[in-house]
């Protein structure tokens, strides 16, 4: 199975192609950026497809990060994935950024719990906690830093994500210091691998919004309807 993965949800614009036949990444490209995903994505996709020397018709799945993350970034990646899925008549698979951040650590050491934390601003993080073997202990949610620290410390979890260091600021004094990885975006290779494993019926390519948008329609100076 050939899986094309796309990530524009956080601080990178990335794409990769995974071949499940031999569990290998055959092409991958990732560019660190906070803005500009819409302009960067299509050239990155073209470069990855050229590197892999395959046509879009040979793809069997399109995997895409669905959040939590930037509202604008999510729309860019999901729109591209849905468009490609429609054109190729193949399923679009949604992978959460929290799952993708935790996946390489769960794979490398399934005996150690992992907490994925993405900076949600205002002293909150998007948070998910995984136990041994990748078992979900806490589903994706937005929580205050103190709550995230209490949960992660209680599980003796390592921390990964842009909010990891923020969580350690409120780490209980009597708890062992955790391993911390402050990466700002998931490894695109793991988005592709997770996309190959996912059940299409349980992993829709729909945005995972854990809080309301901060931008609201203007209501001042509206002309009343008659």
N, C-alpha and C. Protein backbone atom coordinates (compact mmCIF):
# COMPACT_ATOMS: atom_id res chain seq x y z
N UNK A 1 0.83 -1.19 0.00
CA UNK A 1 0.00 0.00 0.00
C UNK A 1 0.87 1.25 0.00
N UNK A 2 0.60 2.18 -0.90
CA UNK A 2 1.31 3.45 -0.97
C UNK A 2 0.44 4.53 -0.32
N UNK A 3 1.00 5.19 0.69
CA UNK A 3 0.27 6.21 1.44
C UNK A 3 0.98 7.54 1.30
N UNK A 4 0.25 8.56 0.86
CA UNK A 4 0.77 9.93 0.84
C UNK A 4 0.31 10.61 2.11
N UNK A 5 1.24 11.18 2.87
CA UNK A 5 0.91 11.89 4.10
C UNK A 5 1.17 13.38 3.95
N UNK A 6 0.30 14.17 4.56
CA UNK A 6 0.39 15.63 4.49
C UNK A 6 0.25 16.19 5.91
N UNK A 7 1.09 17.16 6.24
CA UNK A 7 0.97 17.85 7.54
C UNK A 7 1.20 19.33 7.36
N UNK A 8 0.18 20.11 7.67
CA UNK A 8 0.29 21.58 7.67
C UNK A 8 -0.32 22.15 8.95
N UNK A 9 -0.50 21.32 9.96
CA UNK A 9 -1.28 21.71 11.12
C UNK A 9 -0.55 22.61 12.10
N UNK A 10 0.78 22.48 12.18
CA UNK A 10 1.52 23.19 13.21
C UNK A 10 2.66 24.01 12.62
N UNK A 11 3.90 23.73 13.01
CA UNK A 11 5.03 24.58 12.64
C UNK A 11 5.87 24.00 11.51
N UNK A 12 5.24 23.23 10.63
CA UNK A 12 5.95 22.68 9.47
C UNK A 12 4.96 22.46 8.34
N UNK A 13 5.50 22.38 7.13
CA UNK A 13 4.73 21.99 5.96
C UNK A 13 5.45 20.78 5.39
N UNK A 14 4.78 19.63 5.41
CA UNK A 14 5.48 18.37 5.15
C UNK A 14 4.64 17.42 4.31
N UNK A 15 5.35 16.52 3.62
CA UNK A 15 4.70 15.45 2.89
C UNK A 15 5.65 14.26 2.83
N UNK A 16 5.08 13.07 2.78
CA UNK A 16 5.88 11.85 2.69
C UNK A 16 5.07 10.76 2.03
N UNK A 17 5.77 9.78 1.48
CA UNK A 17 5.11 8.61 0.89
C UNK A 17 5.66 7.36 1.56
N UNK A 18 4.76 6.54 2.08
CA UNK A 18 5.10 5.32 2.80
C UNK A 18 4.64 4.12 2.00
N UNK A 19 5.52 3.12 1.87
CA UNK A 19 5.20 1.87 1.19
C UNK A 19 5.06 0.79 2.26
N UNK A 20 3.83 0.34 2.52
CA UNK A 20 3.61 -0.63 3.57
C UNK A 20 4.14 -2.02 3.22
N UNK A 21 4.42 -2.27 1.94
CA UNK A 21 4.92 -3.58 1.53
C UNK A 21 6.23 -3.92 2.20
N UNK A 22 7.11 -2.92 2.34
CA UNK A 22 8.38 -3.16 3.03
C UNK A 22 8.59 -2.17 4.18
N UNK A 23 7.49 -1.52 4.61
CA UNK A 23 7.51 -0.60 5.75
C UNK A 23 8.58 0.47 5.61
N UNK A 24 8.64 1.08 4.42
CA UNK A 24 9.69 2.08 4.17
C UNK A 24 9.10 3.39 3.69
N UNK A 25 9.78 4.48 4.04
CA UNK A 25 9.47 5.79 3.51
C UNK A 25 10.26 5.95 2.22
N UNK A 26 9.58 6.14 1.10
CA UNK A 26 10.28 6.22 -0.17
C UNK A 26 10.50 7.65 -0.64
N UNK A 27 9.84 8.60 0.01
CA UNK A 27 10.08 10.02 -0.30
C UNK A 27 9.53 10.85 0.85
N UNK A 28 10.22 11.94 1.16
CA UNK A 28 9.79 12.78 2.28
C UNK A 28 10.40 14.16 2.17
N UNK A 29 9.64 15.18 2.56
CA UNK A 29 10.17 16.54 2.59
C UNK A 29 9.42 17.31 3.68
N UNK A 30 10.13 18.11 4.44
CA UNK A 30 9.53 18.89 5.50
C UNK A 30 10.23 20.22 5.61
N UNK A 31 9.44 21.30 5.65
CA UNK A 31 9.98 22.64 5.80
C UNK A 31 9.38 23.29 7.03
N UNK A 32 10.23 23.78 7.93
CA UNK A 32 9.77 24.44 9.14
C UNK A 32 9.21 25.82 8.78
N UNK A 33 7.98 26.09 9.23
CA UNK A 33 7.37 27.40 8.97
C UNK A 33 6.18 27.60 9.88
N UNK A 34 5.97 28.83 10.28
CA UNK A 34 4.80 29.16 11.10
C UNK A 34 3.65 29.64 10.23
N UNK A 35 3.97 30.22 9.06
CA UNK A 35 2.96 30.70 8.12
C UNK A 35 3.39 30.35 6.71
N UNK A 36 2.46 30.48 5.78
CA UNK A 36 2.80 30.25 4.38
C UNK A 36 2.59 28.83 3.90
N UNK A 37 1.85 28.02 4.65
CA UNK A 37 1.63 26.63 4.26
C UNK A 37 0.90 26.51 2.92
N UNK A 38 -0.04 27.41 2.68
CA UNK A 38 -0.83 27.32 1.45
C UNK A 38 0.05 27.48 0.22
N UNK A 39 1.03 28.38 0.29
CA UNK A 39 1.92 28.58 -0.85
C UNK A 39 2.96 27.47 -0.97
N UNK A 40 3.34 26.87 0.14
CA UNK A 40 4.43 25.88 0.13
C UNK A 40 3.98 24.47 -0.16
N UNK A 41 2.73 24.13 0.15
CA UNK A 41 2.32 22.73 0.11
C UNK A 41 2.40 22.10 -1.27
N UNK A 42 1.83 22.73 -2.28
CA UNK A 42 1.78 22.09 -3.60
C UNK A 42 3.18 21.85 -4.18
N UNK A 43 4.13 22.80 -4.09
CA UNK A 43 5.49 22.50 -4.55
C UNK A 43 6.13 21.34 -3.78
N UNK A 44 5.86 21.24 -2.47
CA UNK A 44 6.40 20.12 -1.69
C UNK A 44 5.80 18.80 -2.16
N UNK A 45 4.50 18.79 -2.41
CA UNK A 45 3.86 17.57 -2.91
C UNK A 45 4.44 17.17 -4.26
N UNK A 46 4.63 18.13 -5.13
CA UNK A 46 5.19 17.83 -6.45
C UNK A 46 6.60 17.26 -6.32
N UNK A 47 7.40 17.82 -5.42
CA UNK A 47 8.77 17.35 -5.23
C UNK A 47 8.80 15.93 -4.67
N UNK A 48 7.90 15.64 -3.72
CA UNK A 48 7.85 14.30 -3.12
C UNK A 48 7.39 13.26 -4.14
N UNK A 49 6.40 13.59 -4.94
CA UNK A 49 5.93 12.66 -5.96
C UNK A 49 7.01 12.40 -7.01
N UNK A 50 7.77 13.44 -7.36
CA UNK A 50 8.86 13.27 -8.32
C UNK A 50 9.97 12.41 -7.72
N UNK A 51 10.29 12.64 -6.44
CA UNK A 51 11.32 11.86 -5.77
C UNK A 51 10.94 10.39 -5.71
N UNK A 52 9.65 10.11 -5.49
CA UNK A 52 9.19 8.72 -5.41
C UNK A 52 9.01 8.08 -6.78
N UNK A 53 8.95 8.90 -7.83
CA UNK A 53 8.76 8.41 -9.20
C UNK A 53 7.47 7.61 -9.36
N UNK A 54 6.39 8.14 -8.76
CA UNK A 54 5.10 7.49 -8.92
C UNK A 54 4.06 8.54 -9.32
N UNK A 55 2.95 8.07 -9.84
CA UNK A 55 1.85 8.96 -10.19
C UNK A 55 0.82 8.95 -9.07
N UNK A 56 -0.02 9.98 -9.03
CA UNK A 56 -1.05 10.04 -8.00
C UNK A 56 -2.01 8.86 -8.08
N UNK A 57 -2.20 8.32 -9.27
CA UNK A 57 -3.14 7.20 -9.44
C UNK A 57 -2.68 5.94 -8.72
N UNK A 58 -1.40 5.84 -8.40
CA UNK A 58 -0.89 4.65 -7.71
C UNK A 58 -1.06 4.74 -6.19
N UNK A 59 -1.39 5.91 -5.69
CA UNK A 59 -1.61 6.05 -4.25
C UNK A 59 -2.86 5.29 -3.83
N UNK A 60 -2.82 4.71 -2.63
CA UNK A 60 -3.96 3.96 -2.13
C UNK A 60 -4.64 4.64 -0.95
N UNK A 61 -3.93 5.59 -0.32
CA UNK A 61 -4.51 6.37 0.76
C UNK A 61 -3.84 7.74 0.80
N UNK A 62 -4.62 8.73 1.29
CA UNK A 62 -4.08 10.05 1.56
C UNK A 62 -4.28 10.30 3.05
N UNK A 63 -3.21 10.43 3.81
CA UNK A 63 -3.30 10.70 5.24
C UNK A 63 -2.98 12.17 5.51
N UNK A 64 -3.68 12.77 6.45
CA UNK A 64 -3.48 14.18 6.74
C UNK A 64 -3.69 14.45 8.22
N UNK A 65 -2.89 15.34 8.79
CA UNK A 65 -3.09 15.74 10.18
C UNK A 65 -4.33 16.61 10.28
N UNK A 66 -5.17 16.32 11.28
CA UNK A 66 -6.46 17.00 11.39
C UNK A 66 -6.56 17.87 12.64
N UNK A 67 -5.46 18.00 13.38
CA UNK A 67 -5.46 18.85 14.56
C UNK A 67 -5.31 18.03 15.82
N UNK A 68 -5.24 18.73 16.93
CA UNK A 68 -5.35 20.18 17.07
C UNK A 68 -4.17 20.92 16.46
N UNK A 69 -4.43 22.17 16.08
CA UNK A 69 -3.39 22.98 15.45
C UNK A 69 -3.96 24.29 14.97
N UNK A 70 -3.24 24.92 14.07
CA UNK A 70 -3.66 26.20 13.51
C UNK A 70 -4.92 26.04 12.66
N UNK A 71 -5.91 26.90 12.87
CA UNK A 71 -7.13 26.83 12.08
C UNK A 71 -6.81 26.94 10.59
N UNK A 72 -5.98 27.90 10.23
CA UNK A 72 -5.65 28.10 8.82
C UNK A 72 -4.85 26.93 8.27
N UNK A 73 -3.83 26.50 9.03
CA UNK A 73 -3.01 25.39 8.58
C UNK A 73 -3.81 24.12 8.37
N UNK A 74 -4.70 23.82 9.28
CA UNK A 74 -5.53 22.62 9.15
C UNK A 74 -6.35 22.65 7.87
N UNK A 75 -6.93 23.78 7.57
CA UNK A 75 -7.76 23.88 6.36
C UNK A 75 -6.94 23.64 5.11
N UNK A 76 -5.70 24.11 5.09
CA UNK A 76 -4.84 23.93 3.91
C UNK A 76 -4.59 22.45 3.65
N UNK A 77 -4.14 21.74 4.68
CA UNK A 77 -3.81 20.34 4.50
C UNK A 77 -5.02 19.47 4.23
N UNK A 78 -6.09 19.69 4.97
CA UNK A 78 -7.28 18.86 4.80
C UNK A 78 -7.92 19.09 3.44
N UNK A 79 -7.95 20.34 2.98
CA UNK A 79 -8.51 20.62 1.65
C UNK A 79 -7.70 19.91 0.57
N UNK A 80 -6.37 19.93 0.69
CA UNK A 80 -5.52 19.26 -0.29
C UNK A 80 -5.75 17.76 -0.26
N UNK A 81 -5.81 17.18 0.93
CA UNK A 81 -6.00 15.74 1.05
C UNK A 81 -7.36 15.31 0.50
N UNK A 82 -8.39 16.06 0.81
CA UNK A 82 -9.72 15.72 0.30
C UNK A 82 -9.78 15.84 -1.22
N UNK A 83 -9.13 16.89 -1.75
CA UNK A 83 -9.12 17.06 -3.20
C UNK A 83 -8.41 15.92 -3.90
N UNK A 84 -7.25 15.51 -3.36
CA UNK A 84 -6.51 14.40 -3.96
C UNK A 84 -7.29 13.09 -3.81
N UNK A 85 -7.94 12.90 -2.67
CA UNK A 85 -8.73 11.69 -2.47
C UNK A 85 -9.89 11.62 -3.46
N UNK A 86 -10.51 12.75 -3.69
CA UNK A 86 -11.62 12.80 -4.64
C UNK A 86 -11.13 12.50 -6.05
N UNK A 87 -9.99 13.08 -6.42
CA UNK A 87 -9.46 12.90 -7.78
C UNK A 87 -8.97 11.47 -8.02
N UNK A 88 -8.44 10.82 -6.99
CA UNK A 88 -7.88 9.48 -7.15
C UNK A 88 -8.84 8.37 -6.74
N UNK A 89 -10.00 8.76 -6.19
CA UNK A 89 -10.99 7.79 -5.71
C UNK A 89 -10.42 6.89 -4.63
N UNK A 90 -9.61 7.47 -3.76
CA UNK A 90 -9.01 6.74 -2.65
C UNK A 90 -9.39 7.42 -1.34
N UNK A 91 -9.37 6.71 -0.23
CA UNK A 91 -9.80 7.31 1.05
C UNK A 91 -8.84 8.35 1.59
N UNK A 92 -9.38 9.37 2.22
CA UNK A 92 -8.59 10.35 2.97
C UNK A 92 -8.68 9.98 4.45
N UNK A 93 -7.53 9.86 5.10
CA UNK A 93 -7.44 9.39 6.47
C UNK A 93 -6.98 10.54 7.38
N UNK A 94 -7.69 10.77 8.47
CA UNK A 94 -7.31 11.81 9.42
C UNK A 94 -6.47 11.26 10.56
N UNK A 95 -5.34 11.90 10.84
CA UNK A 95 -4.45 11.53 11.94
C UNK A 95 -4.30 12.74 12.85
N UNK A 96 -4.51 12.58 14.14
CA UNK A 96 -4.37 13.73 15.03
C UNK A 96 -2.89 14.07 15.24
N UNK A 97 -2.63 15.34 15.46
CA UNK A 97 -1.25 15.76 15.69
C UNK A 97 -0.72 15.19 17.00
N UNK A 98 -1.57 15.05 18.00
CA UNK A 98 -1.15 14.50 19.29
C UNK A 98 -0.72 13.04 19.15
N UNK A 99 -1.50 12.28 18.40
CA UNK A 99 -1.14 10.88 18.14
C UNK A 99 0.17 10.79 17.37
N UNK A 100 0.33 11.64 16.37
CA UNK A 100 1.54 11.59 15.54
C UNK A 100 2.77 12.01 16.33
N UNK A 101 2.63 12.96 17.25
CA UNK A 101 3.76 13.37 18.09
C UNK A 101 4.20 12.23 19.01
N UNK A 102 3.24 11.50 19.56
CA UNK A 102 3.56 10.44 20.52
C UNK A 102 4.04 9.15 19.86
N UNK A 103 3.63 8.90 18.63
CA UNK A 103 3.84 7.59 17.99
C UNK A 103 5.28 7.09 17.99
N UNK A 104 6.28 7.90 17.61
CA UNK A 104 7.64 7.36 17.58
C UNK A 104 8.15 6.93 18.95
N UNK A 105 7.70 7.60 20.01
CA UNK A 105 8.13 7.24 21.36
C UNK A 105 7.45 5.97 21.83
N UNK A 106 6.17 5.81 21.49
CA UNK A 106 5.46 4.58 21.83
C UNK A 106 6.08 3.40 21.10
N UNK A 107 6.46 3.61 19.85
CA UNK A 107 7.06 2.54 19.07
C UNK A 107 8.44 2.16 19.61
N UNK A 108 9.22 3.15 20.01
CA UNK A 108 10.59 2.89 20.49
C UNK A 108 10.60 2.26 21.87
N UNK A 109 9.64 2.64 22.73
CA UNK A 109 9.60 2.14 24.10
C UNK A 109 8.14 2.06 24.56
N UNK A 110 7.45 0.98 24.23
CA UNK A 110 6.03 0.88 24.57
C UNK A 110 5.75 0.73 26.06
N UNK A 111 6.80 0.58 26.88
CA UNK A 111 6.59 0.42 28.33
C UNK A 111 6.52 1.75 29.07
N UNK A 112 6.89 2.84 28.39
CA UNK A 112 6.90 4.16 29.04
C UNK A 112 5.74 5.01 28.54
N UNK A 113 4.88 5.52 29.41
CA UNK A 113 3.79 6.40 28.99
C UNK A 113 4.31 7.66 28.30
N UNK A 114 3.50 8.23 27.44
CA UNK A 114 3.86 9.43 26.69
C UNK A 114 2.72 10.43 26.80
N UNK A 115 3.06 11.69 27.08
CA UNK A 115 2.09 12.78 27.08
C UNK A 115 2.44 13.74 25.95
N UNK A 116 1.51 13.95 25.04
CA UNK A 116 1.70 14.91 23.96
C UNK A 116 1.02 16.21 24.35
N UNK A 117 1.76 17.32 24.26
CA UNK A 117 1.23 18.62 24.69
C UNK A 117 1.61 19.68 23.66
N UNK A 118 0.62 20.34 23.11
CA UNK A 118 0.82 21.41 22.12
C UNK A 118 0.39 22.73 22.76
N UNK A 119 1.22 23.73 22.64
CA UNK A 119 0.93 25.04 23.24
C UNK A 119 -0.39 25.59 22.68
N UNK A 120 -1.36 25.77 23.57
CA UNK A 120 -2.64 26.33 23.18
C UNK A 120 -2.80 27.78 23.57
N UNK A 121 -1.71 28.36 24.10
CA UNK A 121 -1.67 29.75 24.56
C UNK A 121 -2.56 29.96 25.78
N UNK A 122 -2.36 31.10 26.43
CA UNK A 122 -3.14 31.47 27.61
C UNK A 122 -3.02 30.42 28.72
N UNK A 123 -1.81 29.85 28.86
CA UNK A 123 -1.52 28.89 29.93
C UNK A 123 -2.35 27.62 29.82
N UNK A 124 -2.66 27.24 28.59
CA UNK A 124 -3.35 25.98 28.31
C UNK A 124 -2.56 25.19 27.26
N UNK A 125 -2.79 23.90 27.23
CA UNK A 125 -2.20 23.06 26.18
C UNK A 125 -3.26 22.11 25.64
N UNK A 126 -3.10 21.78 24.35
CA UNK A 126 -3.81 20.64 23.80
C UNK A 126 -3.07 19.40 24.30
N UNK A 127 -3.80 18.44 24.82
CA UNK A 127 -3.14 17.40 25.60
C UNK A 127 -3.75 16.03 25.33
N UNK A 128 -2.89 15.01 25.28
CA UNK A 128 -3.35 13.62 25.25
C UNK A 128 -2.32 12.77 25.97
N UNK A 129 -2.80 11.78 26.74
CA UNK A 129 -1.92 10.92 27.53
C UNK A 129 -2.08 9.48 27.09
N UNK A 130 -0.93 8.85 26.79
CA UNK A 130 -0.90 7.46 26.36
C UNK A 130 -0.16 6.62 27.41
N UNK A 131 -0.72 5.46 27.73
CA UNK A 131 -0.09 4.56 28.67
C UNK A 131 0.77 3.53 27.98
N UNK A 132 1.10 2.45 28.67
CA UNK A 132 1.94 1.41 28.08
C UNK A 132 1.26 0.81 26.86
N UNK A 133 2.08 0.52 25.86
CA UNK A 133 1.55 -0.05 24.63
C UNK A 133 0.74 0.91 23.79
N UNK A 134 0.78 2.20 24.13
CA UNK A 134 0.02 3.19 23.38
C UNK A 134 -1.44 3.29 23.77
N UNK A 135 -1.83 2.63 24.87
CA UNK A 135 -3.22 2.69 25.32
C UNK A 135 -3.58 4.12 25.71
N UNK A 136 -4.73 4.60 25.24
CA UNK A 136 -5.15 5.98 25.51
C UNK A 136 -5.66 6.08 26.95
N UNK A 137 -4.98 6.90 27.75
CA UNK A 137 -5.40 7.15 29.13
C UNK A 137 -6.28 8.40 29.22
N UNK A 138 -5.93 9.41 28.43
CA UNK A 138 -6.74 10.62 28.33
C UNK A 138 -6.88 10.98 26.86
N UNK A 139 -8.11 11.16 26.41
CA UNK A 139 -8.36 11.50 25.02
C UNK A 139 -7.97 12.96 24.76
N UNK A 140 -7.86 13.38 23.49
CA UNK A 140 -7.46 14.76 23.18
C UNK A 140 -8.37 15.79 23.84
N UNK A 141 -7.75 16.81 24.45
CA UNK A 141 -8.51 17.85 25.13
C UNK A 141 -7.63 19.07 25.33
N UNK A 142 -8.26 20.21 25.61
CA UNK A 142 -7.50 21.39 26.01
C UNK A 142 -7.63 21.55 27.51
N UNK A 143 -6.48 21.67 28.19
CA UNK A 143 -6.49 21.73 29.65
C UNK A 143 -5.52 22.80 30.13
N UNK A 144 -5.71 23.31 31.35
CA UNK A 144 -4.72 24.22 31.96
C UNK A 144 -3.41 23.48 32.19
N UNK A 145 -2.31 24.23 32.25
CA UNK A 145 -1.00 23.63 32.43
C UNK A 145 -0.93 22.77 33.70
N UNK A 146 -1.54 23.25 34.77
CA UNK A 146 -1.48 22.51 36.03
C UNK A 146 -2.14 21.14 35.91
N UNK A 147 -3.24 21.08 35.20
CA UNK A 147 -3.94 19.81 35.01
C UNK A 147 -3.11 18.85 34.17
N UNK A 148 -2.48 19.38 33.12
CA UNK A 148 -1.63 18.55 32.27
C UNK A 148 -0.44 18.02 33.06
N UNK A 149 0.18 18.88 33.87
CA UNK A 149 1.33 18.46 34.67
C UNK A 149 0.95 17.38 35.66
N UNK A 150 -0.19 17.53 36.31
CA UNK A 150 -0.65 16.54 37.29
C UNK A 150 -0.88 15.19 36.63
N UNK A 151 -1.52 15.19 35.45
CA UNK A 151 -1.81 13.93 34.77
C UNK A 151 -0.54 13.26 34.26
N UNK A 152 0.35 14.04 33.65
CA UNK A 152 1.58 13.47 33.10
C UNK A 152 2.50 12.96 34.20
N UNK A 153 2.63 13.72 35.28
CA UNK A 153 3.48 13.29 36.39
C UNK A 153 2.92 12.05 37.06
N UNK A 154 1.60 11.99 37.18
CA UNK A 154 0.98 10.83 37.80
C UNK A 154 1.22 9.55 37.03
N UNK A 155 1.40 9.67 35.72
CA UNK A 155 1.65 8.50 34.88
C UNK A 155 3.14 8.27 34.64
N UNK A 156 3.99 9.15 35.19
CA UNK A 156 5.44 9.09 34.94
C UNK A 156 5.73 9.10 33.44
N UNK A 157 5.07 10.02 32.75
CA UNK A 157 5.15 10.07 31.29
C UNK A 157 6.27 10.98 30.81
N UNK A 158 6.83 10.65 29.67
CA UNK A 158 7.70 11.59 28.98
C UNK A 158 6.82 12.58 28.24
N UNK A 159 7.35 13.76 27.93
CA UNK A 159 6.58 14.83 27.32
C UNK A 159 7.11 15.16 25.93
N UNK A 160 6.20 15.36 24.98
CA UNK A 160 6.59 15.73 23.63
C UNK A 160 5.62 16.77 23.09
N UNK A 161 6.15 17.74 22.34
CA UNK A 161 5.32 18.76 21.72
C UNK A 161 5.72 20.16 22.14
N UNK A 162 5.16 21.14 21.46
CA UNK A 162 5.53 22.54 21.70
C UNK A 162 5.13 23.03 23.08
N UNK A 163 4.21 22.33 23.74
CA UNK A 163 3.81 22.72 25.08
C UNK A 163 4.50 21.92 26.18
N UNK A 164 5.42 21.04 25.80
CA UNK A 164 6.05 20.15 26.79
C UNK A 164 6.78 20.92 27.88
N UNK A 165 7.59 21.89 27.49
CA UNK A 165 8.36 22.64 28.47
C UNK A 165 7.43 23.47 29.38
N UNK A 166 6.35 23.98 28.83
CA UNK A 166 5.40 24.73 29.64
C UNK A 166 4.81 23.85 30.74
N UNK A 167 4.52 22.61 30.40
CA UNK A 167 3.95 21.68 31.38
C UNK A 167 4.93 21.45 32.53
N UNK A 168 6.23 21.38 32.23
CA UNK A 168 7.22 21.11 33.29
C UNK A 168 7.34 22.26 34.28
N UNK A 169 6.87 23.46 33.89
CA UNK A 169 6.93 24.59 34.81
C UNK A 169 6.09 24.36 36.06
N UNK A 170 5.07 23.51 35.93
CA UNK A 170 4.19 23.22 37.07
C UNK A 170 4.30 21.76 37.50
N UNK A 171 5.44 21.15 37.20
CA UNK A 171 5.67 19.74 37.53
C UNK A 171 5.75 19.58 39.05
N UNK A 172 5.08 18.60 39.62
CA UNK A 172 5.13 18.41 41.08
C UNK A 172 6.57 18.21 41.57
N UNK A 173 6.90 18.83 42.67
CA UNK A 173 8.27 18.79 43.18
C UNK A 173 8.72 17.39 43.57
N UNK A 174 7.79 16.56 44.00
CA UNK A 174 8.16 15.21 44.45
C UNK A 174 8.18 14.18 43.33
N UNK A 175 7.92 14.62 42.07
CA UNK A 175 7.90 13.70 40.94
C UNK A 175 9.22 13.77 40.18
N UNK A 176 9.71 12.63 39.68
CA UNK A 176 10.95 12.63 38.89
C UNK A 176 10.81 13.52 37.65
N UNK A 177 11.87 14.24 37.32
CA UNK A 177 11.84 15.10 36.13
C UNK A 177 11.64 14.26 34.88
N UNK A 178 10.76 14.70 33.97
CA UNK A 178 10.47 13.90 32.78
C UNK A 178 11.46 14.16 31.64
N UNK A 179 11.54 13.21 30.72
CA UNK A 179 12.21 13.47 29.45
C UNK A 179 11.33 14.41 28.64
N UNK A 180 11.94 15.40 27.97
CA UNK A 180 11.17 16.42 27.26
C UNK A 180 11.68 16.58 25.83
N UNK A 181 10.76 16.57 24.88
CA UNK A 181 11.06 16.86 23.48
C UNK A 181 10.11 17.97 23.04
N UNK A 182 10.66 19.15 22.76
CA UNK A 182 9.83 20.32 22.45
C UNK A 182 9.55 20.49 20.96
N UNK A 183 9.57 19.44 20.20
CA UNK A 183 9.38 19.59 18.75
C UNK A 183 8.06 20.30 18.44
N UNK A 184 8.10 21.14 17.40
CA UNK A 184 6.94 21.96 17.06
C UNK A 184 5.98 21.33 16.09
N UNK A 185 6.33 20.17 15.54
CA UNK A 185 5.45 19.49 14.58
C UNK A 185 5.79 18.00 14.60
N UNK A 186 4.83 17.15 14.24
CA UNK A 186 5.11 15.72 14.23
C UNK A 186 6.03 15.33 13.08
N UNK A 187 6.66 14.19 13.22
CA UNK A 187 7.48 13.61 12.15
C UNK A 187 6.54 13.14 11.04
N UNK A 188 6.67 13.69 9.85
CA UNK A 188 5.75 13.37 8.76
C UNK A 188 5.82 11.89 8.39
N UNK A 189 6.98 11.27 8.59
CA UNK A 189 7.08 9.84 8.31
C UNK A 189 6.11 9.04 9.17
N UNK A 190 5.91 9.50 10.41
CA UNK A 190 4.99 8.80 11.30
C UNK A 190 3.54 9.09 10.96
N UNK A 191 3.24 10.25 10.42
CA UNK A 191 1.89 10.51 9.93
C UNK A 191 1.55 9.51 8.83
N UNK A 192 2.53 9.25 7.95
CA UNK A 192 2.32 8.28 6.87
C UNK A 192 2.14 6.87 7.42
N UNK A 193 2.97 6.47 8.37
CA UNK A 193 2.86 5.12 8.94
C UNK A 193 1.52 4.92 9.65
N UNK A 194 1.11 5.92 10.41
CA UNK A 194 -0.18 5.83 11.09
C UNK A 194 -1.33 5.80 10.10
N UNK A 195 -1.18 6.52 9.00
CA UNK A 195 -2.21 6.50 7.97
C UNK A 195 -2.40 5.13 7.35
N UNK A 196 -1.31 4.37 7.24
CA UNK A 196 -1.39 3.02 6.69
C UNK A 196 -2.11 2.07 7.65
N UNK A 197 -1.96 2.32 8.95
CA UNK A 197 -2.54 1.43 9.97
C UNK A 197 -4.00 1.75 10.27
N UNK A 198 -4.43 2.97 10.01
CA UNK A 198 -5.73 3.45 10.47
C UNK A 198 -6.89 2.79 9.76
N UNK A 199 -8.00 2.70 10.46
CA UNK A 199 -9.26 2.24 9.89
C UNK A 199 -9.94 3.44 9.23
N UNK A 200 -10.13 3.43 7.92
CA UNK A 200 -10.72 4.59 7.24
C UNK A 200 -12.08 4.99 7.80
N UNK A 201 -12.85 4.02 8.28
CA UNK A 201 -14.18 4.34 8.81
C UNK A 201 -14.11 5.03 10.17
N UNK A 202 -12.98 4.90 10.87
CA UNK A 202 -12.83 5.47 12.20
C UNK A 202 -11.91 6.69 12.21
N UNK A 203 -11.39 7.07 11.04
CA UNK A 203 -10.39 8.14 10.98
C UNK A 203 -10.74 9.13 9.86
N UNK A 204 -11.83 9.87 10.00
CA UNK A 204 -12.22 10.80 8.94
C UNK A 204 -11.26 11.98 8.82
N UNK A 205 -11.12 12.50 7.63
CA UNK A 205 -10.28 13.68 7.40
C UNK A 205 -11.09 14.93 7.68
N UNK A 206 -11.43 15.12 8.97
CA UNK A 206 -12.22 16.26 9.43
C UNK A 206 -11.44 16.97 10.52
N UNK A 207 -11.51 18.30 10.57
CA UNK A 207 -10.74 19.04 11.58
C UNK A 207 -11.12 18.65 13.00
N UNK A 208 -10.11 18.51 13.85
CA UNK A 208 -10.32 18.27 15.26
C UNK A 208 -10.11 19.59 15.98
N UNK A 209 -11.20 20.31 16.23
CA UNK A 209 -11.13 21.59 16.92
C UNK A 209 -11.46 21.36 18.40
N UNK A 210 -10.54 21.71 19.27
CA UNK A 210 -10.76 21.53 20.70
C UNK A 210 -11.11 22.84 21.40
N UNK A 211 -11.19 23.93 20.64
CA UNK A 211 -11.66 25.20 21.17
C UNK A 211 -12.26 26.00 20.04
N UNK A 212 -13.07 26.98 20.39
CA UNK A 212 -13.72 27.81 19.38
C UNK A 212 -12.72 28.76 18.75
N UNK A 213 -13.01 29.18 17.54
CA UNK A 213 -12.16 30.15 16.85
C UNK A 213 -12.13 31.46 17.62
N UNK A 214 -10.96 32.12 17.59
CA UNK A 214 -10.84 33.40 18.29
C UNK A 214 -11.32 34.57 17.44
N UNK A 215 -11.48 34.35 16.15
CA UNK A 215 -12.00 35.40 15.26
C UNK A 215 -13.51 35.26 15.17
N UNK A 216 -14.22 36.36 15.25
CA UNK A 216 -15.68 36.34 15.21
C UNK A 216 -16.16 37.37 14.20
N UNK A 217 -17.31 37.12 13.57
CA UNK A 217 -17.86 38.10 12.63
C UNK A 217 -18.13 39.42 13.32
N UNK A 218 -17.90 40.51 12.60
CA UNK A 218 -18.18 41.83 13.15
C UNK A 218 -19.68 42.08 13.13
N UNK A 219 -20.16 42.63 14.22
CA UNK A 219 -21.61 42.90 14.30
C UNK A 219 -21.92 44.39 14.32
N UNK A 220 -20.87 45.21 14.47
CA UNK A 220 -21.11 46.66 14.52
C UNK A 220 -21.46 47.18 13.13
N UNK A 221 -22.32 48.18 13.11
CA UNK A 221 -22.68 48.88 11.88
C UNK A 221 -23.36 48.00 10.85
N UNK A 222 -24.04 46.92 11.33
CA UNK A 222 -24.78 46.09 10.39
C UNK A 222 -26.10 46.76 10.03
N UNK A 223 -26.49 46.62 8.77
CA UNK A 223 -27.78 47.15 8.33
C UNK A 223 -28.85 46.14 8.71
N UNK A 224 -29.85 46.51 9.48
CA UNK A 224 -30.89 45.55 9.89
C UNK A 224 -31.69 45.04 8.69
N UNK A 225 -32.09 43.75 8.79
CA UNK A 225 -32.92 43.17 7.75
C UNK A 225 -34.36 43.69 7.88
N UNK A 226 -34.99 43.82 6.74
CA UNK A 226 -36.41 44.27 6.75
C UNK A 226 -37.34 43.05 6.73
